[in-house]
Amino acid sequence: MKTLIMKLLLCVAVLGVSQTMSAQFSLKKLAQSATKAVTSDGSQETKEEGDTVQNKINMADIPSYTCQKVYVVDENGNRVKNADGTDKWAAQLIDKNGNPVSPEAAEAQVKEINKGILTIAAKVGTGAAIGAISGGGKGALIGLAAGLGLSVTDIINVVKLKKDSNKQKKALELYRKSFDEEGKPLTATVDSKTLKELNISDDNAVSKTTAQIEKEINSDAYKTIPSNESLDALLGAAAKAA
């Protein structure tokens, strides 16, 4: 009788271990699936159960700005010289498409983007998003993401953008300290080679006449930044999170 009882207990124990291992295996598979989903390209669609919202934030579409070196030339295409014989140049802020942008417009938009990012990041909690990136916390974000009208991948992209937002802000501050409204160096000591944060280089330098520069500066496009779907989604989610 004792032998029979021992055998039954042993069977129960083995069965319990087997079920536990099976459950752990299933959880591991789910974690791997979640990891694959949240580390994919932001332009793709998340299809995991419980998170069927189509991704709306394309990282490449979020506006950011850098600098382009512009050599000033005369009507014949010859470079204009400074009094000391060096080439006259200016630095223009440009968007991702190479379009000149005013410092005021760029600063206003970067401030708006940064506010949206910080609002969402505060609501989400970066810890949860980091957990999702590593494959262990996706479930915690699904409900919140849906409430903001975004996918989990969008939320994780926001957290990634948070790391870059301060760099963009500092770059624009450096531009303001180094150049005037027309992009002319404020002092003779301003050297494009030392302003690494602005990525000013002869590699992508262009040549423009003074008339061309003035025309760009006075245009509406120079002063107004068009919105895009990714930015609208970001700011819309931030409004819900506020």
Foldseek 3Di string as FASTA:
>chain_A
DVVVVVVVVVVVVVVVVVVVVVVVVVLVVQLVLLLVQQVDQLQAARPDPLFRQGRFAHPVQQKFKFKEKEFAADPVRHFDADPVGHGFIFIFIAIPVRAGAFLVQNLVSLVLLLLLLVLLCVLLPVVLLVCSNSSHRLVSCSVVQVLLSHGSSNSNVSVVVNVCSVLRNVLSVVQPVQADRLRGGPDPPDDPVPSVSRVYDPVRHYYDHPVVSVVSSPDPCRHHPDDDRNSVSSSSSSVSSD
